[in-house]
Amino acid sequence: MARGGGAWAPAAAAAAAAAALLLWMAGGAGAVWLEIAPSAAKCVSEEIQSNVVVIGDYSVLYEHHHAHPTVTVKVTSPFGDIVHHKQKASTDQFAFTAAEAGNYLACFSVDGENKGLVVKLNLNWRVGIATKDWDSVAKKEKLEGVELELLKLETAVQAIHENLLFLRSKEADMRDISEKTNARVTLLSMVSLSICIIVSALQLWHLQQYFQKKKLI
């Protein structure tokens, strides 16, 4: 039994390390500190694919002994639709599934009664598989140890594959836009050159007519 446990331990550790690396590569997750000035909003954007779960936890840091500042939070989609809006919030969470791919914008501003304060806010923005509750998954599927880590690896690999397909589609779109732009620039250059030649020819014809009229040639 001791030998069996010793054999499984390195495998579990390796699977956990690989899962952690792939989860870091596949899912967007990270906490940031924002310092919000009284006169302006502070915004954070994230490019997100469609049908991806997004969870953001935010909380205000109380640095003032006699004040408990609050903020107004607004999260908008790439097309300007509001997916989360809250006023006078000190700590809360927004969660939604991205309806369309693009840049999602989360903006924070200090509420009116706290306009003289500089507010610090902690934002933990998680996207995709970083939002999964693996403890609940393990209990539901009755998984533990290496099996759970392998499930994490499989999910991470699938997410990375989807990200690569998304990047490939964006690269194809950029290439099409670049080719169309080059074609339009070439057409514009040809039209400009043609206009210059026509104008030069008309100038020469006009000068020739003028000199003939004046009997200079």
C-alpha atoms as a PDB file:
ATOM      1  CA  MET A   1       0.000   0.000   0.000  1.00  0.00           C
ATOM      2  CA  ALA A   2       2.852   2.361   0.800  1.00  0.00           C
ATOM      3  CA  ARG A   3       4.363   1.808  -2.653  1.00  0.00           C
ATOM      4  CA  GLY A   4       1.040   2.421  -4.309  1.00  0.00           C
ATOM      5  CA  GLY A   5       0.553   5.678  -2.413  1.00  0.00           C
ATOM      6  CA  GLY A   6       4.069   6.753  -3.333  1.00  0.00           C
ATOM      7  CA  ALA A   7       3.373   6.120  -6.998  1.00  0.00           C
ATOM      8  CA  TRP A   8       0.124   8.084  -6.991  1.00  0.00           C
ATOM      9  CA  ALA A   9       1.508  11.095  -5.124  1.00  0.00           C
ATOM     10  CA  PRO A  10       3.936  12.251  -7.866  1.00  0.00           C
ATOM     11  CA  ALA A  11       1.261  11.654 -10.513  1.00  0.00           C
ATOM     12  CA  ALA A  12      -1.252  13.716  -8.557  1.00  0.00           C
ATOM     13  CA  ALA A  13       1.298  16.482  -7.983  1.00  0.00           C
ATOM     14  CA  ALA A  14       2.226  16.542 -11.686  1.00  0.00           C
ATOM     15  CA  ALA A  15      -1.430  16.576 -12.715  1.00  0.00           C
ATOM     16  CA  ALA A  16      -2.158  19.396 -10.261  1.00  0.00           C
ATOM     17  CA  ALA A  17       0.768  21.456 -11.547  1.00  0.00           C
ATOM     18  CA  ALA A  18      -0.237  20.904 -15.172  1.00  0.00           C
ATOM     19  CA  ALA A  19      -3.849  21.722 -14.362  1.00  0.00           C
ATOM     20  CA  ALA A  20      -2.837  24.933 -12.594  1.00  0.00           C
ATOM     21  CA  LEU A  21      -0.719  25.991 -15.571  1.00  0.00           C
ATOM     22  CA  LEU A  22      -3.428  25.238 -18.117  1.00  0.00           C
ATOM     23  CA  LEU A  23      -6.112  26.883 -16.004  1.00  0.00           C
ATOM     24  CA  TRP A  24      -3.938  29.996 -15.798  1.00  0.00           C
ATOM     25  CA  MET A  25      -3.478  29.926 -19.599  1.00  0.00           C
ATOM     26  CA  ALA A  26      -7.108  29.181 -20.438  1.00  0.00           C
ATOM     27  CA  GLY A  27      -9.087  31.257 -17.975  1.00  0.00           C
ATOM     28  CA  GLY A  28      -8.896  34.950 -17.347  1.00  0.00           C
ATOM     29  CA  ALA A  29      -8.598  35.637 -13.659  1.00  0.00           C
ATOM     30  CA  GLY A  30      -6.907  38.294 -11.654  1.00  0.00           C
ATOM     31  CA  ALA A  31      -7.380  40.826  -8.898  1.00  0.00           C
ATOM     32  CA  VAL A  32      -6.586  44.483  -9.510  1.00  0.00           C
ATOM     33  CA  TRP A  33      -6.571  47.535  -7.275  1.00  0.00           C
ATOM     34  CA  LEU A  34      -8.236  50.651  -8.654  1.00  0.00           C
ATOM     35  CA  GLU A  35      -7.750  54.145  -7.282  1.00  0.00           C
ATOM     36  CA  ILE A  36     -10.824  56.158  -8.238  1.00  0.00           C
ATOM     37  CA  ALA A  37     -10.446  59.920  -8.309  1.00  0.00           C
ATOM     38  CA  PRO A  38     -13.402  62.090  -7.186  1.00  0.00           C
ATOM     39  CA  SER A  39     -13.804  63.746 -10.582  1.00  0.00           C
ATOM     40  CA  ALA A  40     -13.503  60.795 -12.974  1.00  0.00           C
ATOM     41  CA  ALA A  41     -14.530  57.192 -13.447  1.00  0.00           C
ATOM     42  CA  LYS A  42     -12.040  54.344 -13.613  1.00  0.00           C
ATOM     43  CA  CYS A  43     -12.743  51.605 -16.175  1.00  0.00           C
ATOM     44  CA  VAL A  44     -11.410  48.121 -16.800  1.00  0.00           C
ATOM     45  CA  SER A  45     -12.005  46.230 -20.047  1.00  0.00           C
ATOM     46  CA  GLU A  46     -11.727  42.574 -20.947  1.00  0.00           C
ATOM     47  CA  GLU A  47     -12.071  40.899 -24.344  1.00  0.00           C
ATOM     48  CA  ILE A  48     -14.454  37.979 -23.898  1.00  0.00           C
ATOM     49  CA  GLN A  49     -15.839  35.350 -26.244  1.00  0.00           C
ATOM     50  CA  SER A  50     -19.566  34.735 -26.576  1.00  0.00           C
ATOM     51  CA  ASN A  51     -21.315  32.219 -24.289  1.00  0.00           C
ATOM     52  CA  VAL A  52     -18.605  32.594 -21.629  1.00  0.00           C
ATOM     53  CA  VAL A  53     -19.430  33.032 -17.947  1.00  0.00           C
ATOM     54  CA  VAL A  54     -18.034  36.150 -16.276  1.00  0.00           C
ATOM     55  CA  ILE A  55     -17.926  36.827 -12.531  1.00  0.00           C
ATOM     56  CA  GLY A  56     -16.542  39.958 -10.917  1.00  0.00           C
ATOM     57  CA  ASP A  57     -16.230  40.592  -7.181  1.00  0.00           C
ATOM     58  CA  TYR A  58     -15.530  44.151  -6.077  1.00  0.00           C
ATOM     59  CA  SER A  59     -15.142  45.790  -2.686  1.00  0.00           C
ATOM     60  CA  VAL A  60     -14.237  49.262  -1.449  1.00  0.00           C
ATOM     61  CA  LEU A  61     -11.262  49.638   0.867  1.00  0.00           C
ATOM     62  CA  TYR A  62     -12.132  51.774   3.863  1.00  0.00           C
ATOM     63  CA  GLU A  63      -9.220  54.096   4.572  1.00  0.00           C
ATOM     64  CA  HIS A  64     -11.244  56.894   6.122  1.00  0.00           C
ATOM     65  CA  HIS A  65     -12.212  56.503   9.769  1.00  0.00           C
ATOM     66  CA  HIS A  66     -15.332  58.651   9.600  1.00  0.00           C
ATOM     67  CA  ALA A  67     -16.483  57.824   6.064  1.00  0.00           C
ATOM     68  CA  HIS A  68     -17.714  54.716   4.327  1.00  0.00           C
ATOM     69  CA  PRO A  69     -17.496  55.627   0.635  1.00  0.00           C
ATOM     70  CA  THR A  70     -19.604  53.902  -1.978  1.00  0.00           C
ATOM     71  CA  VAL A  71     -19.292  53.652  -5.734  1.00  0.00           C
ATOM     72  CA  THR A  72     -21.519  53.383  -8.778  1.00  0.00           C
ATOM     73  CA  VAL A  73     -20.751  50.384 -10.963  1.00  0.00           C
ATOM     74  CA  LYS A  74     -21.729  49.934 -14.594  1.00  0.00           C
ATOM     75  CA  VAL A  75     -20.743  47.007 -16.818  1.00  0.00           C
ATOM     76  CA  THR A  76     -21.509  47.289 -20.522  1.00  0.00           C
ATOM     77  CA  SER A  77     -21.304  44.907 -23.470  1.00  0.00           C
ATOM     78  CA  PRO A  78     -19.425  45.605 -26.737  1.00  0.00           C
ATOM     79  CA  PHE A  79     -22.669  47.022 -28.189  1.00  0.00           C
ATOM     80  CA  GLY A  80     -23.316  49.286 -25.204  1.00  0.00           C
ATOM     81  CA  ASP A  81     -25.946  47.145 -23.459  1.00  0.00           C
ATOM     82  CA  ILE A  82     -25.857  47.381 -19.662  1.00  0.00           C
ATOM     83  CA  VAL A  83     -25.283  43.954 -18.101  1.00  0.00           C
ATOM     84  CA  HIS A  84     -24.803  45.245 -14.537  1.00  0.00           C
ATOM     85  CA  HIS A  85     -25.569  48.549 -12.859  1.00  0.00           C
ATOM     86  CA  LYS A  86     -25.462  49.305  -9.139  1.00  0.00           C
ATOM     87  CA  GLN A  87     -25.357  52.529  -7.161  1.00  0.00           C
ATOM     88  CA  LYS A  88     -24.064  53.139  -3.635  1.00  0.00           C
ATOM     89  CA  ALA A  89     -22.235  49.815  -3.531  1.00  0.00           C
ATOM     90  CA  SER A  90     -19.424  49.044  -1.130  1.00  0.00           C
ATOM     91  CA  THR A  91     -19.046  45.350  -1.890  1.00  0.00           C
ATOM     92  CA  ASP A  92     -20.938  43.250  -4.407  1.00  0.00           C
ATOM     93  CA  GLN A  93     -20.630  40.916  -7.363  1.00  0.00           C
ATOM     94  CA  PHE A  94     -21.643  40.976 -11.015  1.00  0.00           C
ATOM     95  CA  ALA A  95     -22.182  37.782 -12.974  1.00  0.00           C
ATOM     96  CA  PHE A  96     -23.366  37.257 -16.532  1.00  0.00           C
ATOM     97  CA  THR A  97     -22.909  35.119 -19.614  1.00  0.00           C
ATOM     98  CA  ALA A  98     -21.445  37.032 -22.546  1.00  0.00           C
ATOM     99  CA  ALA A  99     -24.071  37.300 -25.285  1.00  0.00           C
ATOM    100  CA  GLU A 100     -21.593  38.488 -27.911  1.00  0.00           C
ATOM    101  CA  ALA A 101     -17.837  38.476 -28.314  1.00  0.00           C
ATOM    102  CA  GLY A 102     -15.878  41.675 -27.773  1.00  0.00           C
ATOM    103  CA  ASN A 103     -14.629  44.089 -25.129  1.00  0.00           C
ATOM    104  CA  TYR A 104     -16.721  44.280 -21.963  1.00  0.00           C
ATOM    105  CA  LEU A 105     -16.215  47.444 -19.929  1.00  0.00           C
ATOM    106  CA  ALA A 106     -16.611  47.796 -16.159  1.00  0.00           C
ATOM    107  CA  CYS A 107     -16.611  51.402 -14.935  1.00  0.00           C
ATOM    108  CA  PHE A 108     -16.490  52.599 -11.315  1.00  0.00           C
ATOM    109  CA  SER A 109     -17.175  56.135 -10.090  1.00  0.00           C
ATOM    110  CA  VAL A 110     -17.404  57.682  -6.637  1.00  0.00           C
ATOM    111  CA  ASP A 111     -20.941  58.449  -5.471  1.00  0.00           C
ATOM    112  CA  GLY A 112     -22.040  62.065  -5.046  1.00  0.00           C
ATOM    113  CA  GLU A 113     -21.831  62.315  -1.274  1.00  0.00           C
ATOM    114  CA  ASN A 114     -18.220  61.068  -1.365  1.00  0.00           C
ATOM    115  CA  LYS A 115     -16.987  63.356  -4.145  1.00  0.00           C
ATOM    116  CA  GLY A 116     -14.135  64.697  -2.046  1.00  0.00           C
ATOM    117  CA  LEU A 117     -12.624  61.266  -1.412  1.00  0.00           C
ATOM    118  CA  VAL A 118     -10.163  59.186  -3.402  1.00  0.00           C
ATOM    119  CA  VAL A 119     -11.573  55.660  -3.184  1.00  0.00           C
ATOM    120  CA  LYS A 120      -9.569  52.466  -3.524  1.00  0.00           C
ATOM    121  CA  LEU A 121     -11.379  49.410  -4.824  1.00  0.00           C
ATOM    122  CA  ASN A 122     -10.394  45.779  -5.247  1.00  0.00           C
ATOM    123  CA  LEU A 123     -11.744  44.012  -8.347  1.00  0.00           C
ATOM    124  CA  ASN A 124     -11.437  40.276  -8.890  1.00  0.00           C
ATOM    125  CA  TRP A 125     -12.475  39.577 -12.493  1.00  0.00           C
ATOM    126  CA  ARG A 126     -12.861  35.911 -13.495  1.00  0.00           C
ATOM    127  CA  VAL A 127     -13.702  34.583 -16.953  1.00  0.00           C
ATOM    128  CA  GLY A 128     -14.480  31.143 -18.339  1.00  0.00           C
ATOM    129  CA  ILE A 129     -13.207  28.128 -16.428  1.00  0.00           C
ATOM    130  CA  ALA A 130     -11.769  30.418 -13.751  1.00  0.00           C
ATOM    131  CA  THR A 131     -15.383  30.849 -12.581  1.00  0.00           C
ATOM    132  CA  LYS A 132     -15.927  27.122 -11.953  1.00  0.00           C
ATOM    133  CA  ASP A 133     -16.484  25.916  -8.412  1.00  0.00           C
ATOM    134  CA  TRP A 134     -14.351  22.786  -8.521  1.00  0.00           C
ATOM    135  CA  ASP A 135     -15.326  21.735  -4.997  1.00  0.00           C
ATOM    136  CA  SER A 136     -18.973  21.557  -6.040  1.00  0.00           C
ATOM    137  CA  VAL A 137     -18.015  19.698  -9.228  1.00  0.00           C
ATOM    138  CA  ALA A 138     -15.979  17.189  -7.238  1.00  0.00           C
ATOM    139  CA  LYS A 139     -18.857  16.553  -4.818  1.00  0.00           C
ATOM    140  CA  LYS A 140     -21.416  16.262  -7.624  1.00  0.00           C
ATOM    141  CA  GLU A 141     -19.321  13.926  -9.782  1.00  0.00           C
ATOM    142  CA  LYS A 142     -17.799  12.151  -6.768  1.00  0.00           C
ATOM    143  CA  LEU A 143     -14.282  12.858  -7.940  1.00  0.00           C
ATOM    144  CA  GLU A 144     -11.117  13.267  -5.941  1.00  0.00           C
ATOM    145  CA  GLY A 145      -7.369  13.312  -6.330  1.00  0.00           C
ATOM    146  CA  VAL A 146      -6.027  12.594  -9.802  1.00  0.00           C
ATOM    147  CA  GLU A 147      -9.505  12.206 -11.330  1.00  0.00           C
ATOM    148  CA  LEU A 148     -10.400  15.779 -10.390  1.00  0.00           C
ATOM    149  CA  GLU A 149      -7.081  17.119 -11.666  1.00  0.00           C
ATOM    150  CA  LEU A 150      -7.550  15.245 -14.949  1.00  0.00           C
ATOM    151  CA  LEU A 151     -11.003  16.793 -15.305  1.00  0.00           C
ATOM    152  CA  LYS A 152      -9.428  20.210 -14.761  1.00  0.00           C
ATOM    153  CA  LEU A 153      -6.821  19.405 -17.416  1.00  0.00           C
ATOM    154  CA  GLU A 154      -9.488  18.302 -19.888  1.00  0.00           C
ATOM    155  CA  THR A 155     -11.548  21.444 -19.269  1.00  0.00           C
ATOM    156  CA  ALA A 156      -8.479  23.663 -19.571  1.00  0.00           C
ATOM    157  CA  VAL A 157      -7.365  22.020 -22.822  1.00  0.00           C
ATOM    158  CA  GLN A 158     -10.850  22.475 -24.262  1.00  0.00           C
ATOM    159  CA  ALA A 159     -10.873  26.143 -23.237  1.00  0.00           C
ATOM    160  CA  ILE A 160      -7.420  26.711 -24.768  1.00  0.00           C
ATOM    161  CA  HIS A 161      -8.588  25.053 -27.989  1.00  0.00           C
ATOM    162  CA  GLU A 162     -11.623  27.357 -28.104  1.00  0.00           C
ATOM    163  CA  ASN A 163      -9.375  30.366 -27.458  1.00  0.00           C
ATOM    164  CA  LEU A 164      -7.095  29.325 -30.325  1.00  0.00           C
ATOM    165  CA  LEU A 165     -10.085  28.981 -32.665  1.00  0.00           C
ATOM    166  CA  PHE A 166     -11.270  32.420 -31.542  1.00  0.00           C
ATOM    167  CA  LEU A 167      -7.828  33.928 -32.180  1.00  0.00           C
ATOM    168  CA  ARG A 168      -7.680  32.230 -35.580  1.00  0.00           C
ATOM    169  CA  SER A 169     -11.042  33.733 -36.552  1.00  0.00           C
ATOM    170  CA  LYS A 170      -9.888  37.171 -35.389  1.00  0.00           C
ATOM    171  CA  GLU A 171      -6.655  36.790 -37.340  1.00  0.00           C
ATOM    172  CA  ALA A 172      -8.669  35.855 -40.439  1.00  0.00           C
ATOM    173  CA  ASP A 173     -10.902  38.909 -39.949  1.00  0.00           C
ATOM    174  CA  MET A 174      -7.852  41.149 -39.556  1.00  0.00           C
ATOM    175  CA  ARG A 175      -6.284  39.655 -42.670  1.00  0.00           C
ATOM    176  CA  ASP A 176      -9.478  40.291 -44.672  1.00  0.00           C
ATOM    177  CA  ILE A 177      -9.617  43.877 -43.425  1.00  0.00           C
ATOM    178  CA  SER A 178      -5.929  44.364 -44.303  1.00  0.00           C
ATOM    179  CA  GLU A 179      -6.420  42.957 -47.806  1.00  0.00           C
ATOM    180  CA  LYS A 180      -9.488  45.142 -48.391  1.00  0.00           C
ATOM    181  CA  THR A 181      -7.600  48.190 -47.123  1.00  0.00           C
ATOM    182  CA  ASN A 182      -4.628  47.444 -49.408  1.00  0.00           C
ATOM    183  CA  ALA A 183      -6.971  47.005 -52.370  1.00  0.00           C
ATOM    184  CA  ARG A 184      -8.680  50.324 -51.632  1.00  0.00           C
ATOM    185  CA  VAL A 185      -5.338  52.111 -51.224  1.00  0.00           C
ATOM    186  CA  THR A 186      -4.159  50.668 -54.551  1.00  0.00           C
ATOM    187  CA  LEU A 187      -7.384  51.767 -56.249  1.00  0.00           C
ATOM    188  CA  LEU A 188      -7.100  55.238 -54.733  1.00  0.00           C
ATOM    189  CA  SER A 189      -3.493  55.498 -55.889  1.00  0.00           C
ATOM    190  CA  MET A 190      -4.452  54.509 -59.451  1.00  0.00           C
ATOM    191  CA  VAL A 191      -7.341  56.989 -59.481  1.00  0.00           C
ATOM    192  CA  SER A 192      -5.068  59.759 -58.146  1.00  0.00           C
ATOM    193  CA  LEU A 193      -2.410  58.979 -60.751  1.00  0.00           C
ATOM    194  CA  SER A 194      -5.024  58.945 -63.525  1.00  0.00           C
ATOM    195  CA  ILE A 195      -6.405  62.308 -62.396  1.00  0.00           C
ATOM    196  CA  CYS A 196      -2.886  63.791 -62.309  1.00  0.00           C
ATOM    197  CA  ILE A 197      -2.183  62.558 -65.852  1.00  0.00           C
ATOM    198  CA  ILE A 198      -5.516  63.895 -67.153  1.00  0.00           C
ATOM    199  CA  VAL A 199      -4.988  67.284 -65.476  1.00  0.00           C
ATOM    200  CA  SER A 200      -1.435  67.507 -66.887  1.00  0.00           C
ATOM    201  CA  ALA A 201      -2.693  66.659 -70.373  1.00  0.00           C
ATOM    202  CA  LEU A 202      -5.421  69.293 -70.115  1.00  0.00           C
ATOM    203  CA  GLN A 203      -2.876  71.885 -68.975  1.00  0.00           C
ATOM    204  CA  LEU A 204      -0.609  71.108 -71.930  1.00  0.00           C
ATOM    205  CA  TRP A 205      -3.568  71.294 -74.343  1.00  0.00           C
ATOM    206  CA  HIS A 206      -4.666  74.621 -72.860  1.00  0.00           C
ATOM    207  CA  LEU A 207      -1.146  76.061 -73.118  1.00  0.00           C
ATOM    208  CA  GLN A 208      -0.850  74.863 -76.686  1.00  0.00           C
ATOM    209  CA  GLN A 209      -4.160  76.514 -77.601  1.00  0.00           C
ATOM    210  CA  TYR A 210      -3.104  79.707 -75.842  1.00  0.00           C
ATOM    211  CA  PHE A 211       0.238  79.914 -77.669  1.00  0.00           C
ATOM    212  CA  GLN A 212      -1.397  79.188 -81.012  1.00  0.00           C
ATOM    213  CA  LYS A 213      -3.973  81.898 -80.358  1.00  0.00           C
ATOM    214  CA  LYS A 214      -1.233  84.373 -79.555  1.00  0.00           C
ATOM    215  CA  LYS A 215       0.652  83.156 -82.637  1.00  0.00           C
ATOM    216  CA  LEU A 216       3.672  82.346 -80.528  1.00  0.00           C
ATOM    217  CA  ILE A 217       4.025  78.903 -82.107  1.00  0.00           C
END
